[in-house]
Amino acid sequence: MRVILYTTHCPKCKVLETKLNQKAIDFEIIDDEKVMIDKGFMSAPMLEVDEKVMDFSAAINWIKEI
């Protein structure tokens, strides 16, 4: 499973990062805003799991289910 956290290091981003760490989920961090804009992201954080992109709420729910 490949997990990527797209982050601007905002408070919500930090919450998502903490929750991923609490569940011991390995993830990559991308904080390059140009990459996020090129992907069409209008906000952060975004979580990509095996090419499925989730916003903050969906990502939190995904983490809870793991």
PDB file of N, CA and C in Angstrom:
ATOM      1  N   MET A   1       0.850  -1.170   0.000  1.00  0.00           N
ATOM      2  CA  MET A   1       0.000   0.000   0.000  1.00  0.00           C
ATOM      3  C   MET A   1       0.900   1.239   0.000  1.00  0.00           C
ATOM      4  N   ARG A   2       0.624   2.162  -0.907  1.00  0.00           N
ATOM      5  CA  ARG A   2       1.386   3.406  -0.979  1.00  0.00           C
ATOM      6  C   ARG A   2       0.496   4.542  -0.482  1.00  0.00           C
ATOM      7  N   VAL A   3       0.971   5.224   0.563  1.00  0.00           N
ATOM      8  CA  VAL A   3       0.221   6.322   1.171  1.00  0.00           C
ATOM      9  C   VAL A   3       1.053   7.595   1.056  1.00  0.00           C
ATOM     10  N   ILE A   4       0.430   8.650   0.520  1.00  0.00           N
ATOM     11  CA  ILE A   4       1.103   9.933   0.372  1.00  0.00           C
ATOM     12  C   ILE A   4       0.259  11.006   1.055  1.00  0.00           C
ATOM     13  N   LEU A   5       0.897  11.767   1.935  1.00  0.00           N
ATOM     14  CA  LEU A   5       0.248  12.901   2.589  1.00  0.00           C
ATOM     15  C   LEU A   5       0.726  14.172   1.910  1.00  0.00           C
ATOM     16  N   TYR A   6      -0.218  14.878   1.307  1.00  0.00           N
ATOM     17  CA  TYR A   6       0.077  16.184   0.719  1.00  0.00           C
ATOM     18  C   TYR A   6      -0.245  17.220   1.790  1.00  0.00           C
ATOM     19  N   THR A   7       0.755  17.992   2.188  1.00  0.00           N
ATOM     20  CA  THR A   7       0.621  18.842   3.360  1.00  0.00           C
ATOM     21  C   THR A   7       1.235  20.219   3.166  1.00  0.00           C
ATOM     22  N   THR A   8       0.639  21.195   3.836  1.00  0.00           N
ATOM     23  CA  THR A   8       1.233  22.534   3.932  1.00  0.00           C
ATOM     24  C   THR A   8       1.686  22.778   5.369  1.00  0.00           C
ATOM     25  N   HIS A   9       1.628  21.741   6.190  1.00  0.00           N
ATOM     26  CA  HIS A   9       2.002  21.781   7.603  1.00  0.00           C
ATOM     27  C   HIS A   9       1.061  22.672   8.417  1.00  0.00           C
ATOM     28  N   CYS A  10      -0.181  22.783   7.959  1.00  0.00           N
ATOM     29  CA  CYS A  10      -1.206  23.537   8.680  1.00  0.00           C
ATOM     30  C   CYS A  10      -1.703  22.683   9.856  1.00  0.00           C
ATOM     31  N   PRO A  11      -2.537  23.242  10.728  1.00  0.00           N
ATOM     32  CA  PRO A  11      -3.041  22.446  11.867  1.00  0.00           C
ATOM     33  C   PRO A  11      -3.757  21.157  11.452  1.00  0.00           C
ATOM     34  N   LYS A  12      -4.612  21.200  10.428  1.00  0.00           N
ATOM     35  CA  LYS A  12      -5.293  19.980   9.976  1.00  0.00           C
ATOM     36  C   LYS A  12      -4.288  18.976   9.426  1.00  0.00           C
ATOM     37  N   CYS A  13      -3.286  19.476   8.723  1.00  0.00           N
ATOM     38  CA  CYS A  13      -2.248  18.593   8.179  1.00  0.00           C
ATOM     39  C   CYS A  13      -1.537  17.865   9.306  1.00  0.00           C
ATOM     40  N   LYS A  14      -1.241  18.595  10.374  1.00  0.00           N
ATOM     41  CA  LYS A  14      -0.540  17.996  11.509  1.00  0.00           C
ATOM     42  C   LYS A  14      -1.412  16.959  12.211  1.00  0.00           C
ATOM     43  N   VAL A  15      -2.719  17.217  12.287  1.00  0.00           N
ATOM     44  CA  VAL A  15      -3.643  16.241  12.887  1.00  0.00           C
ATOM     45  C   VAL A  15      -3.615  14.949  12.080  1.00  0.00           C
ATOM     46  N   LEU A  16      -3.699  15.083  10.769  1.00  0.00           N
ATOM     47  CA  LEU A  16      -3.701  13.897   9.907  1.00  0.00           C
ATOM     48  C   LEU A  16      -2.381  13.133  10.017  1.00  0.00           C
ATOM     49  N   GLU A  17      -1.285  13.853  10.053  1.00  0.00           N
ATOM     50  CA  GLU A  17       0.021  13.208  10.199  1.00  0.00           C
ATOM     51  C   GLU A  17       0.106  12.463  11.528  1.00  0.00           C
ATOM     52  N   THR A  18      -0.378  13.071  12.588  1.00  0.00           N
ATOM     53  CA  THR A  18      -0.373  12.434  13.909  1.00  0.00           C
ATOM     54  C   THR A  18      -1.201  11.156  13.900  1.00  0.00           C
ATOM     55  N   LYS A  19      -2.385  11.205  13.292  1.00  0.00           N
ATOM     56  CA  LYS A  19      -3.248  10.026  13.256  1.00  0.00           C
ATOM     57  C   LYS A  19      -2.616   8.892  12.442  1.00  0.00           C
ATOM     58  N   LEU A  20      -1.946   9.234  11.357  1.00  0.00           N
ATOM     59  CA  LEU A  20      -1.239   8.213  10.575  1.00  0.00           C
ATOM     60  C   LEU A  20      -0.139   7.573  11.418  1.00  0.00           C
ATOM     61  N   ASN A  21       0.606   8.391  12.136  1.00  0.00           N
ATOM     62  CA  ASN A  21       1.679   7.875  12.992  1.00  0.00           C
ATOM     63  C   ASN A  21       1.126   7.015  14.120  1.00  0.00           C
ATOM     64  N   GLN A  22       0.003   7.413  14.713  1.00  0.00           N
ATOM     65  CA  GLN A  22      -0.596   6.642  15.803  1.00  0.00           C
ATOM     66  C   GLN A  22      -0.997   5.237  15.349  1.00  0.00           C
ATOM     67  N   LYS A  23      -1.406   5.116  14.101  1.00  0.00           N
ATOM     68  CA  LYS A  23      -1.798   3.811  13.559  1.00  0.00           C
ATOM     69  C   LYS A  23      -0.621   3.080  12.916  1.00  0.00           C
ATOM     70  N   ALA A  24       0.575   3.668  12.999  1.00  0.00           N
ATOM     71  CA  ALA A  24       1.795   3.082  12.435  1.00  0.00           C
ATOM     72  C   ALA A  24       1.663   2.812  10.937  1.00  0.00           C
ATOM     73  N   ILE A  25       1.032   3.752  10.251  1.00  0.00           N
ATOM     74  CA  ILE A  25       0.876   3.663   8.799  1.00  0.00           C
ATOM     75  C   ILE A  25       2.074   4.371   8.165  1.00  0.00           C
ATOM     76  N   ASP A  26       2.817   3.640   7.340  1.00  0.00           N
ATOM     77  CA  ASP A  26       3.944   4.238   6.632  1.00  0.00           C
ATOM     78  C   ASP A  26       3.403   5.158   5.543  1.00  0.00           C
ATOM     79  N   PHE A  27       3.970   6.355   5.457  1.00  0.00           N
ATOM     80  CA  PHE A  27       3.511   7.301   4.447  1.00  0.00           C
ATOM     81  C   PHE A  27       4.650   8.211   4.022  1.00  0.00           C
ATOM     82  N   GLU A  28       4.470   8.762   2.852  1.00  0.00           N
ATOM     83  CA  GLU A  28       5.409   9.722   2.272  1.00  0.00           C
ATOM     84  C   GLU A  28       4.780  11.106   2.407  1.00  0.00           C
ATOM     85  N   ILE A  29       5.602  12.109   2.651  1.00  0.00           N
ATOM     86  CA  ILE A  29       5.112  13.483   2.743  1.00  0.00           C
ATOM     87  C   ILE A  29       5.525  14.251   1.496  1.00  0.00           C
ATOM     88  N   ILE A  30       4.561  14.918   0.898  1.00  0.00           N
ATOM     89  CA  ILE A  30       4.850  15.848  -0.195  1.00  0.00           C
ATOM     90  C   ILE A  30       4.312  17.204   0.235  1.00  0.00           C
ATOM     91  N   ASP A  31       5.222  18.182   0.331  1.00  0.00           N
ATOM     92  CA  ASP A  31       4.804  19.525   0.748  1.00  0.00           C
ATOM     93  C   ASP A  31       5.135  20.580  -0.306  1.00  0.00           C
ATOM     94  N   ASP A  32       5.349  20.126  -1.529  1.00  0.00           N
ATOM     95  CA  ASP A  32       5.606  21.020  -2.646  1.00  0.00           C
ATOM     96  C   ASP A  32       4.264  21.523  -3.188  1.00  0.00           C
ATOM     97  N   GLU A  33       3.987  22.812  -2.969  1.00  0.00           N
ATOM     98  CA  GLU A  33       2.687  23.359  -3.367  1.00  0.00           C
ATOM     99  C   GLU A  33       2.473  23.288  -4.872  1.00  0.00           C
ATOM    100  N   LYS A  34       3.531  23.379  -5.656  1.00  0.00           N
ATOM    101  CA  LYS A  34       3.383  23.283  -7.112  1.00  0.00           C
ATOM    102  C   LYS A  34       2.869  21.901  -7.500  1.00  0.00           C
ATOM    103  N   VAL A  35       3.372  20.867  -6.854  1.00  0.00           N
ATOM    104  CA  VAL A  35       2.902  19.498  -7.125  1.00  0.00           C
ATOM    105  C   VAL A  35       1.414  19.397  -6.801  1.00  0.00           C
ATOM    106  N   MET A  36       1.013  19.969  -5.665  1.00  0.00           N
ATOM    107  CA  MET A  36      -0.395  19.914  -5.259  1.00  0.00           C
ATOM    108  C   MET A  36      -1.288  20.668  -6.250  1.00  0.00           C
ATOM    109  N   ILE A  37      -0.837  21.835  -6.695  1.00  0.00           N
ATOM    110  CA  ILE A  37      -1.605  22.616  -7.673  1.00  0.00           C
ATOM    111  C   ILE A  37      -1.706  21.857  -8.987  1.00  0.00           C
ATOM    112  N   ASP A  38      -0.601  21.248  -9.415  1.00  0.00           N
ATOM    113  CA  ASP A  38      -0.607  20.465 -10.656  1.00  0.00           C
ATOM    114  C   ASP A  38      -1.579  19.290 -10.579  1.00  0.00           C
ATOM    115  N   LYS A  39      -1.779  18.745  -9.376  1.00  0.00           N
ATOM    116  CA  LYS A  39      -2.733  17.641  -9.196  1.00  0.00           C
ATOM    117  C   LYS A  39      -4.169  18.154  -9.091  1.00  0.00           C
ATOM    118  N   GLY A  40      -4.348  19.477  -9.024  1.00  0.00           N
ATOM    119  CA  GLY A  40      -5.685  20.059  -8.958  1.00  0.00           C
ATOM    120  C   GLY A  40      -6.219  20.213  -7.551  1.00  0.00           C
ATOM    121  N   PHE A  41      -5.375  20.059  -6.549  1.00  0.00           N
ATOM    122  CA  PHE A  41      -5.822  20.197  -5.169  1.00  0.00           C
ATOM    123  C   PHE A  41      -6.087  21.674  -4.859  1.00  0.00           C
ATOM    124  N   MET A  42      -7.222  21.933  -4.239  1.00  0.00           N
ATOM    125  CA  MET A  42      -7.594  23.295  -3.868  1.00  0.00           C
ATOM    126  C   MET A  42      -7.405  23.552  -2.380  1.00  0.00           C
ATOM    127  N   SER A  43      -7.106  22.494  -1.636  1.00  0.00           N
ATOM    128  CA  SER A  43      -6.910  22.627  -0.193  1.00  0.00           C
ATOM    129  C   SER A  43      -5.975  21.527   0.283  1.00  0.00           C
ATOM    130  N   ALA A  44      -5.556  21.659   1.512  1.00  0.00           N
ATOM    131  CA  ALA A  44      -4.695  20.650   2.129  1.00  0.00           C
ATOM    132  C   ALA A  44      -5.208  20.425   3.543  1.00  0.00           C
ATOM    133  N   PRO A  45      -4.994  19.274   4.102  1.00  0.00           N
ATOM    134  CA  PRO A  45      -4.252  18.133   3.572  1.00  0.00           C
ATOM    135  C   PRO A  45      -5.098  17.293   2.625  1.00  0.00           C
ATOM    136  N   MET A  46      -4.391  16.537   1.807  1.00  0.00           N
ATOM    137  CA  MET A  46      -5.004  15.514   0.967  1.00  0.00           C
ATOM    138  C   MET A  46      -4.200  14.240   1.199  1.00  0.00           C
ATOM    139  N   LEU A  47      -4.891  13.131   1.188  1.00  0.00           N
ATOM    140  CA  LEU A  47      -4.238  11.842   1.397  1.00  0.00           C
ATOM    141  C   LEU A  47      -4.486  10.988   0.163  1.00  0.00           C
ATOM    142  N   GLU A  48      -3.428  10.398  -0.353  1.00  0.00           N
ATOM    143  CA  GLU A  48      -3.552   9.512  -1.503  1.00  0.00           C
ATOM    144  C   GLU A  48      -3.143   8.109  -1.066  1.00  0.00           C
ATOM    145  N   VAL A  49      -4.062   7.175  -1.256  1.00  0.00           N
ATOM    146  CA  VAL A  49      -3.804   5.779  -0.900  1.00  0.00           C
ATOM    147  C   VAL A  49      -3.996   4.946  -2.157  1.00  0.00           C
ATOM    148  N   ASP A  50      -2.895   4.380  -2.635  1.00  0.00           N
ATOM    149  CA  ASP A  50      -2.939   3.581  -3.866  1.00  0.00           C
ATOM    150  C   ASP A  50      -3.709   4.309  -4.973  1.00  0.00           C
ATOM    151  N   GLU A  51      -3.356   5.571  -5.179  1.00  0.00           N
ATOM    152  CA  GLU A  51      -3.895   6.430  -6.231  1.00  0.00           C
ATOM    153  C   GLU A  51      -5.323   6.907  -5.987  1.00  0.00           C
ATOM    154  N   LYS A  52      -5.912   6.601  -4.834  1.00  0.00           N
ATOM    155  CA  LYS A  52      -7.223   7.134  -4.481  1.00  0.00           C
ATOM    156  C   LYS A  52      -6.992   8.340  -3.572  1.00  0.00           C
ATOM    157  N   VAL A  53      -7.520   9.492  -3.979  1.00  0.00           N
ATOM    158  CA  VAL A  53      -7.292  10.736  -3.254  1.00  0.00           C
ATOM    159  C   VAL A  53      -8.471  11.024  -2.328  1.00  0.00           C
ATOM    160  N   MET A  54      -8.135  11.422  -1.095  1.00  0.00           N
ATOM    161  CA  MET A  54      -9.151  11.729  -0.086  1.00  0.00           C
ATOM    162  C   MET A  54      -8.876  13.091   0.537  1.00  0.00           C
ATOM    163  N   ASP A  55      -9.960  13.815   0.830  1.00  0.00           N
ATOM    164  CA  ASP A  55      -9.806  15.062   1.573  1.00  0.00           C
ATOM    165  C   ASP A  55      -9.657  14.733   3.060  1.00  0.00           C
ATOM    166  N   PHE A  56      -9.560  15.762   3.881  1.00  0.00           N
ATOM    167  CA  PHE A  56      -9.310  15.565   5.309  1.00  0.00           C
ATOM    168  C   PHE A  56     -10.339  14.645   5.953  1.00  0.00           C
ATOM    169  N   SER A  57     -11.625  14.918   5.750  1.00  0.00           N
ATOM    170  CA  SER A  57     -12.687  14.118   6.395  1.00  0.00           C
ATOM    171  C   SER A  57     -12.643  12.665   5.962  1.00  0.00           C
ATOM    172  N   ALA A  58     -12.505  12.445   4.662  1.00  0.00           N
ATOM    173  CA  ALA A  58     -12.451  11.074   4.153  1.00  0.00           C
ATOM    174  C   ALA A  58     -11.204  10.358   4.665  1.00  0.00           C
ATOM    175  N   ALA A  59     -10.088  11.083   4.749  1.00  0.00           N
ATOM    176  CA  ALA A  59      -8.844  10.489   5.235  1.00  0.00           C
ATOM    177  C   ALA A  59      -8.974  10.072   6.700  1.00  0.00           C
ATOM    178  N   ILE A  60      -9.579  10.926   7.516  1.00  0.00           N
ATOM    179  CA  ILE A  60      -9.786  10.591   8.935  1.00  0.00           C
ATOM    180  C   ILE A  60     -10.640   9.333   9.050  1.00  0.00           C
ATOM    181  N   ASN A  61     -11.705   9.263   8.272  1.00  0.00           N
ATOM    182  CA  ASN A  61     -12.569   8.076   8.302  1.00  0.00           C
ATOM    183  C   ASN A  61     -11.816   6.833   7.856  1.00  0.00           C
ATOM    184  N   TRP A  62     -10.978   6.950   6.818  1.00  0.00           N
ATOM    185  CA  TRP A  62     -10.181   5.816   6.342  1.00  0.00           C
ATOM    186  C   TRP A  62      -9.242   5.323   7.442  1.00  0.00           C
ATOM    187  N   ILE A  63      -8.592   6.259   8.111  1.00  0.00           N
ATOM    188  CA  ILE A  63      -7.650   5.893   9.183  1.00  0.00           C
ATOM    189  C   ILE A  63      -8.387   5.184  10.322  1.00  0.00           C
ATOM    190  N   LYS A  64      -9.572   5.664  10.673  1.00  0.00           N
ATOM    191  CA  LYS A  64     -10.359   5.043  11.747  1.00  0.00           C
ATOM    192  C   LYS A  64     -10.703   3.603  11.419  1.00  0.00           C
ATOM    193  N   GLU A  65     -10.951   3.321  10.130  1.00  0.00           N
ATOM    194  CA  GLU A  65     -11.353   1.978   9.713  1.00  0.00           C
ATOM    195  C   GLU A  65     -10.191   0.992   9.714  1.00  0.00           C
ATOM    196  N   ILE A  66      -8.979   1.468   9.719  1.00  0.00           N
ATOM    197  CA  ILE A  66      -7.804   0.595   9.661  1.00  0.00           C
ATOM    198  C   ILE A  66      -7.564  -0.033  11.031  1.00  0.00           C
TER     199      ILE A  66
END
